[in-house]
Amino acid sequence: MNGKKTLIIFFSLAGILAAAFFIFAAHASESFFPGQKTCEVTYRALIRGIPEEARSVRVWIPLASSRDGQTVLKREMDTPAAYQVTADPVYGNEMVYFDLKPPFPKPLEFQIRYEARISRKDFRKAGRKREDIHKYLKPSMLMTVNEEVLRRTQAAVGQKEGLLQKARAIYEDVIRRMTYDKTLPGWGQGDTLRACLLGKGNCTDFHSLFISMAHAAEIPARFKIGLTIPDAPEGEIPGYHCWAEFYDEARGWLPVDASEAWKHPERKEIYFGGFDAQKFLISMGRDVELVPRQSGPPVNIFFYPYVEVDGKEWNDAGTSFRFRNLK
């Protein structure tokens, strides 16, 4: 047998083993994560300190919607003024928009209550629908691909041939190189270059690096952010959680949670490709263009309210989140 044939057989076997391993991991994730969850989520926002002399306040708040295995059964809003519901043209993120004039309520309080069903079966159906995936190969302002990202990706992927093998190699590389650490300033912005330089950050930084490396390997990948619903009957959720998904032609969109895999190495297999019905999706994508258009640049990550006072970004907004498990 010549060397060329040997290599062909080797890579064929490697691909078969990778697919078999992925199927095994997928079954393991199904036994760990619930196949379906129905829950109630309350998103509260409080905007403080609007100056007395302000003439205009514009507010955009992200709205969870029915998409990608998540069905919003109810969506009730308690707001201080009339609003309109819009959606961004690129990712389809819904939002509620307020254009307020004086006198302004003090403080400005908003509450959105959801009842939602999150289903693995529905996610799989949605993930196999044909769509334009080219937008999921494009970098964003902070989620970039430079020479260092290309070098890391080439070193991680090596001679691997199949998309699943490449994505898994990138996943492993991110977990190996990154540390979950929120002590250094700049974490949470999803800055790929910072992640490469420091190797520290939170879920946003882990998954921005994964997505940038996936793009470098010509694998479509996208950013999602929302809330993780705990197992307890009800309570507070301390903050957001984000994750990534990559696209495989045969299987559709597949989730990746590298930061949780770093925290729980014993679960590393199930966080690669395993759908977690405890993830409540708020928005998708980066550099989001709001509707109506904001005065400032695109929004890096659309999870918190985006506020403009007299045409300038206003950052004095607080949020809190509650949940109640229904089924």
Protein backbone atom coordinates (compact mmCIF):
# COMPACT_ATOMS: atom_id res chain seq x y z
CA MET A 1 0.00 0.00 0.00
CA ASN A 2 1.52 3.36 -0.99
CA GLY A 3 1.73 6.41 1.23
CA LYS A 4 -1.11 8.28 -0.50
CA LYS A 5 -3.57 5.42 0.02
CA THR A 6 -2.45 5.09 3.62
CA LEU A 7 -3.20 8.78 4.25
CA ILE A 8 -6.62 8.47 2.60
CA ILE A 9 -7.52 5.50 4.79
CA PHE A 10 -6.18 7.27 7.88
CA PHE A 11 -8.25 10.42 7.32
CA SER A 12 -11.33 8.37 6.44
CA LEU A 13 -11.03 6.41 9.67
CA ALA A 14 -10.42 9.62 11.61
CA GLY A 15 -13.59 11.12 10.15
CA ILE A 16 -15.62 8.02 11.01
CA LEU A 17 -14.28 7.99 14.55
CA ALA A 18 -14.98 11.70 14.97
CA ALA A 19 -18.58 11.24 13.81
CA ALA A 20 -19.03 8.22 16.10
CA PHE A 21 -17.59 10.14 19.03
CA PHE A 22 -19.89 13.08 18.31
CA ILE A 23 -22.95 10.78 18.26
CA PHE A 24 -21.85 9.28 21.59
CA ALA A 25 -21.36 12.76 23.09
CA ALA A 26 -24.77 13.87 21.76
CA HIS A 27 -26.47 10.94 23.49
CA ALA A 28 -24.58 11.76 26.70
CA SER A 29 -25.79 15.37 26.56
CA GLU A 30 -29.39 14.23 26.05
CA SER A 31 -29.21 12.20 29.25
CA PHE A 32 -27.74 15.17 31.15
CA PHE A 33 -29.82 18.11 29.85
CA PRO A 34 -33.63 18.10 29.96
CA GLY A 35 -35.19 17.66 26.53
CA GLN A 36 -37.68 20.42 27.23
CA LYS A 37 -38.28 23.13 29.80
CA THR A 38 -41.14 25.56 30.35
CA CYS A 39 -40.37 28.56 32.51
CA GLU A 40 -41.35 32.06 33.43
CA VAL A 41 -38.67 34.78 33.13
CA THR A 42 -38.98 38.38 34.31
CA TYR A 43 -36.59 41.01 32.92
CA ARG A 44 -36.57 44.29 34.90
CA ALA A 45 -34.77 47.49 33.96
CA LEU A 46 -34.37 50.69 35.93
CA ILE A 47 -32.92 53.87 34.35
CA ARG A 48 -31.76 56.46 36.84
CA GLY A 49 -30.31 59.94 36.92
CA ILE A 50 -31.84 61.46 33.80
CA PRO A 51 -30.72 65.15 33.87
CA GLU A 52 -33.40 67.75 34.56
CA GLU A 53 -32.45 69.63 31.40
CA ALA A 54 -32.73 66.57 29.10
CA ARG A 55 -35.01 67.06 26.12
CA SER A 56 -35.09 63.53 24.69
CA VAL A 57 -34.65 60.00 26.02
CA ARG A 58 -34.60 57.03 23.65
CA VAL A 59 -34.62 53.48 25.01
CA TRP A 60 -34.19 50.13 23.25
CA ILE A 61 -34.66 46.91 25.25
CA PRO A 62 -34.02 43.47 23.70
CA LEU A 63 -37.03 41.19 23.47
CA ALA A 64 -36.80 37.43 23.63
CA SER A 65 -38.77 35.86 20.79
CA SER A 66 -39.77 32.51 19.33
CA ARG A 67 -36.72 31.16 17.49
CA ASP A 68 -34.17 28.34 17.44
CA GLY A 69 -36.08 25.90 19.63
CA GLN A 70 -37.53 28.56 21.93
CA THR A 71 -41.26 29.32 21.83
CA VAL A 72 -42.46 32.41 23.67
CA LEU A 73 -45.93 31.50 24.88
CA LYS A 74 -46.62 34.83 26.60
CA ARG A 75 -44.87 38.20 26.59
CA GLU A 76 -46.29 40.90 28.87
CA MET A 77 -44.80 44.38 29.22
CA ASP A 78 -45.24 46.85 32.05
CA THR A 79 -43.81 50.16 30.81
CA PRO A 80 -44.04 53.88 31.66
CA ALA A 81 -44.93 55.01 28.13
CA ALA A 82 -46.14 53.96 24.70
CA TYR A 83 -43.71 51.85 22.67
CA GLN A 84 -43.20 50.08 19.39
CA VAL A 85 -41.76 46.62 18.73
CA THR A 86 -39.12 46.45 15.99
CA ALA A 87 -36.48 44.00 14.77
CA ASP A 88 -32.96 44.38 13.45
CA PRO A 89 -32.62 43.47 9.74
CA VAL A 90 -29.54 41.25 10.02
CA TYR A 91 -30.20 38.84 12.91
CA GLY A 92 -33.91 39.36 13.44
CA ASN A 93 -33.52 40.38 17.09
CA GLU A 94 -36.74 41.91 18.36
CA MET A 95 -36.66 44.97 20.60
CA VAL A 96 -39.05 47.36 22.30
CA TYR A 97 -38.40 51.03 21.52
CA PHE A 98 -39.39 54.15 23.51
CA ASP A 99 -39.06 57.77 22.37
CA LEU A 100 -39.68 59.81 25.51
CA LYS A 101 -40.15 63.56 25.95
CA PRO A 102 -40.25 65.56 29.20
CA PRO A 103 -41.52 65.34 31.82
CA PHE A 104 -39.85 61.96 32.36
CA PRO A 105 -41.04 59.47 34.98
CA LYS A 106 -38.45 59.15 37.78
CA PRO A 107 -37.09 56.60 37.82
CA LEU A 108 -37.81 55.00 34.47
CA GLU A 109 -38.89 51.41 35.19
CA PHE A 110 -39.57 48.64 32.69
CA GLN A 111 -40.66 45.04 33.22
CA ILE A 112 -41.06 42.28 30.66
CA ARG A 113 -42.48 38.94 31.75
CA TYR A 114 -42.15 35.86 29.55
CA GLU A 115 -43.53 32.38 29.59
CA ALA A 116 -41.46 30.21 27.28
CA ARG A 117 -40.94 26.62 26.20
CA ILE A 118 -37.41 25.57 25.22
CA SER A 119 -37.19 22.28 23.33
CA ARG A 120 -34.34 20.17 21.95
CA LYS A 121 -36.67 18.69 19.32
CA ASP A 122 -37.74 22.16 18.14
CA PHE A 123 -34.13 23.33 18.10
CA ARG A 124 -33.11 20.48 15.82
CA LYS A 125 -35.94 21.24 13.41
CA ALA A 126 -35.05 24.94 13.33
CA GLY A 127 -31.32 24.24 13.02
CA ARG A 128 -31.74 22.27 9.80
CA LYS A 129 -33.64 24.98 7.92
CA ARG A 130 -31.76 26.42 4.97
CA GLU A 131 -30.58 29.99 5.45
CA ASP A 132 -27.92 32.39 4.27
CA ILE A 133 -24.96 31.46 6.47
CA HIS A 134 -22.45 33.84 4.86
CA LYS A 135 -23.16 36.49 7.52
CA TYR A 136 -21.91 33.98 10.10
CA LEU A 137 -18.45 34.02 8.52
CA LYS A 138 -17.96 37.76 8.88
CA PRO A 139 -15.94 39.32 11.73
CA SER A 140 -17.28 42.08 13.98
CA MET A 141 -15.52 45.10 15.48
CA LEU A 142 -14.18 43.11 18.45
CA MET A 143 -14.66 39.54 17.25
CA THR A 144 -11.90 39.73 14.67
CA VAL A 145 -9.56 37.47 12.71
CA ASN A 146 -5.94 38.63 12.53
CA GLU A 147 -2.58 36.91 12.02
CA GLU A 148 -2.49 35.65 15.63
CA VAL A 149 -5.98 34.13 15.35
CA LEU A 150 -5.04 32.51 12.04
CA ARG A 151 -1.83 31.12 13.55
CA ARG A 152 -3.66 29.69 16.56
CA THR A 153 -6.33 28.18 14.36
CA GLN A 154 -3.85 26.53 12.01
CA ALA A 155 -1.93 25.10 14.98
CA ALA A 156 -5.12 23.80 16.60
CA VAL A 157 -6.66 22.32 13.47
CA GLY A 158 -3.46 20.89 12.00
CA GLN A 159 -4.20 18.25 9.37
CA LYS A 160 -7.78 17.60 10.47
CA GLU A 161 -10.14 17.29 7.52
CA GLY A 162 -13.77 17.20 8.67
CA LEU A 163 -15.69 20.20 9.96
CA LEU A 164 -16.59 18.43 13.22
CA GLN A 165 -12.94 17.55 13.83
CA LYS A 166 -11.85 21.12 13.20
CA ALA A 167 -14.56 22.62 15.42
CA ARG A 168 -13.71 20.19 18.20
CA ALA A 169 -10.01 21.04 17.94
CA ILE A 170 -10.81 24.76 18.23
CA TYR A 171 -13.08 24.09 21.21
CA GLU A 172 -10.31 22.14 22.96
CA ASP A 173 -7.77 24.86 22.19
CA VAL A 174 -9.97 27.61 23.65
CA ILE A 175 -10.55 25.62 26.86
CA ARG A 176 -6.83 24.89 27.17
CA ARG A 177 -5.65 28.46 26.58
CA MET A 178 -8.35 30.45 28.41
CA THR A 179 -9.00 30.92 32.13
CA TYR A 180 -12.35 32.05 33.50
CA ASP A 181 -11.23 35.23 35.27
CA LYS A 182 -13.10 38.50 35.84
CA THR A 183 -10.42 40.28 37.86
CA LEU A 184 -8.68 42.13 35.02
CA PRO A 185 -10.40 45.17 33.45
CA GLY A 186 -11.85 44.67 29.98
CA TRP A 187 -13.48 41.29 30.50
CA GLY A 188 -16.95 40.71 29.08
CA GLN A 189 -16.53 42.81 25.93
CA GLY A 190 -15.94 39.81 23.70
CA ASP A 191 -12.62 41.20 22.46
CA THR A 192 -10.85 38.40 20.61
CA LEU A 193 -7.47 40.17 20.61
CA ARG A 194 -7.64 40.71 24.39
CA ALA A 195 -8.49 37.03 24.83
CA CYS A 196 -5.45 36.08 22.76
CA LEU A 197 -3.18 38.46 24.68
CA LEU A 198 -4.33 37.72 28.25
CA GLY A 199 -6.02 34.31 28.00
CA LYS A 200 -8.56 35.45 30.61
CA GLY A 201 -12.20 36.48 30.60
CA ASN A 202 -15.78 35.36 31.01
CA CYS A 203 -18.18 33.46 28.76
CA THR A 204 -18.30 36.37 26.30
CA ASP A 205 -14.55 36.25 25.83
CA PHE A 206 -14.34 32.46 25.59
CA HIS A 207 -16.94 32.33 22.85
CA SER A 208 -15.68 35.34 20.93
CA LEU A 209 -12.34 33.56 20.64
CA PHE A 210 -14.07 30.33 19.57
CA ILE A 211 -16.11 32.13 16.92
CA SER A 212 -13.11 34.06 15.57
CA MET A 213 -11.11 30.83 15.28
CA ALA A 214 -14.07 29.09 13.64
CA HIS A 215 -14.25 31.91 11.10
CA ALA A 216 -10.51 31.55 10.51
CA ALA A 217 -11.17 27.87 9.70
CA GLU A 218 -14.07 28.89 7.41
CA ILE A 219 -16.65 27.39 9.77
CA PRO A 220 -19.87 29.46 10.12
CA ALA A 221 -20.34 30.37 13.78
CA ARG A 222 -22.57 32.74 15.71
CA PHE A 223 -22.86 34.40 19.13
CA LYS A 224 -25.88 34.04 21.42
CA ILE A 225 -26.66 35.63 24.77
CA GLY A 226 -29.40 35.14 27.32
CA LEU A 227 -29.98 33.60 30.73
CA THR A 228 -29.33 30.18 32.24
CA ILE A 229 -32.44 28.98 34.06
CA PRO A 230 -31.47 27.19 37.33
CA ASP A 231 -33.01 23.91 38.47
CA ALA A 232 -34.56 25.46 41.59
CA PRO A 233 -38.33 26.11 41.57
CA GLU A 234 -37.81 29.91 41.40
CA GLY A 235 -35.43 32.69 42.29
CA GLU A 236 -33.01 35.36 41.02
CA ILE A 237 -30.61 34.95 38.12
CA PRO A 238 -27.36 36.81 38.86
CA GLY A 239 -26.54 37.78 35.27
CA TYR A 240 -26.32 36.84 31.63
CA HIS A 241 -24.72 33.84 29.98
CA CYS A 242 -23.55 33.54 26.39
CA TRP A 243 -22.62 30.64 24.17
CA ALA A 244 -21.71 29.90 20.55
CA GLU A 245 -23.05 27.76 17.75
CA PHE A 246 -21.33 26.48 14.63
CA TYR A 247 -22.94 25.23 11.45
CA ASP A 248 -22.51 21.74 10.01
CA GLU A 249 -24.20 21.08 6.67
CA ALA A 250 -25.36 17.60 7.72
CA ARG A 251 -26.51 18.42 11.27
CA GLY A 252 -27.42 22.11 11.21
CA TRP A 253 -26.49 24.44 14.07
CA LEU A 254 -24.62 22.86 16.99
CA PRO A 255 -24.16 24.58 20.38
CA VAL A 256 -20.83 25.05 22.13
CA ASP A 257 -20.32 26.20 25.72
CA ALA A 258 -16.57 26.42 26.23
CA SER A 259 -16.68 28.51 29.42
CA GLU A 260 -18.94 26.02 31.20
CA ALA A 261 -16.70 23.21 29.97
CA TRP A 262 -13.74 25.04 31.51
CA LYS A 263 -15.59 25.31 34.83
CA HIS A 264 -16.80 21.70 34.67
CA PRO A 265 -14.18 19.64 32.79
CA GLU A 266 -16.10 16.46 33.57
CA ARG A 267 -18.86 17.81 31.31
CA LYS A 268 -16.60 18.81 28.41
CA GLU A 269 -18.10 16.23 26.05
CA ILE A 270 -21.70 17.30 26.57
CA TYR A 271 -20.95 21.02 26.11
CA PHE A 272 -19.73 20.36 22.57
CA GLY A 273 -22.82 19.97 20.41
CA GLY A 274 -25.25 19.34 23.28
CA PHE A 275 -28.43 21.41 23.35
CA ASP A 276 -29.19 22.83 26.80
CA ALA A 277 -32.90 23.54 27.34
CA GLN A 278 -31.97 25.68 30.35
CA LYS A 279 -30.64 28.46 28.11
CA PHE A 280 -33.18 31.25 27.55
CA LEU A 281 -32.19 33.23 24.45
CA ILE A 282 -32.41 37.04 24.48
CA SER A 283 -30.47 38.05 21.36
CA MET A 284 -28.03 36.85 18.72
CA GLY A 285 -25.08 38.37 16.89
CA ARG A 286 -22.70 41.27 17.41
CA ASP A 287 -22.59 44.87 16.19
CA VAL A 288 -26.38 45.07 16.25
CA GLU A 289 -28.01 47.95 14.39
CA LEU A 290 -31.02 49.03 16.41
CA VAL A 291 -34.36 50.00 14.88
CA PRO A 292 -34.98 52.92 14.74
CA ARG A 293 -31.25 53.56 14.22
CA GLN A 294 -29.32 54.70 17.27
CA SER A 295 -27.13 57.82 17.09
CA GLY A 296 -24.02 55.95 18.23
CA PRO A 297 -22.15 53.00 16.70
CA PRO A 298 -23.60 49.47 16.41
CA VAL A 299 -24.24 47.80 19.76
CA ASN A 300 -21.45 45.35 20.57
CA ILE A 301 -23.69 42.96 22.56
CA PHE A 302 -27.44 43.54 22.85
CA PHE A 303 -28.54 42.27 26.22
CA TYR A 304 -28.92 45.30 28.49
CA PRO A 305 -31.11 48.32 27.67
CA TYR A 306 -29.47 50.74 25.27
CA VAL A 307 -30.28 54.33 26.24
CA GLU A 308 -29.56 57.66 24.58
CA VAL A 309 -30.12 61.01 26.29
CA ASP A 310 -30.15 63.91 23.86
CA GLY A 311 -28.42 61.75 21.26
CA LYS A 312 -25.62 60.45 23.51
CA GLU A 313 -25.31 57.00 25.10
CA TRP A 314 -26.44 56.89 28.73
CA ASN A 315 -25.10 54.04 30.86
CA ASP A 316 -26.93 54.46 34.18
CA ALA A 317 -29.30 51.52 33.77
CA GLY A 318 -29.73 48.66 36.23
CA THR A 319 -31.25 45.26 35.52
CA SER A 320 -32.48 42.27 37.46
CA PHE A 321 -33.83 38.87 36.40
CA ARG A 322 -36.14 36.35 38.03
CA PHE A 323 -37.28 32.89 36.98
CA ARG A 324 -39.91 30.35 37.87
CA ASN A 325 -39.86 26.81 36.51
CA LEU A 326 -43.27 25.64 35.34
CA LYS A 327 -42.49 22.19 33.89
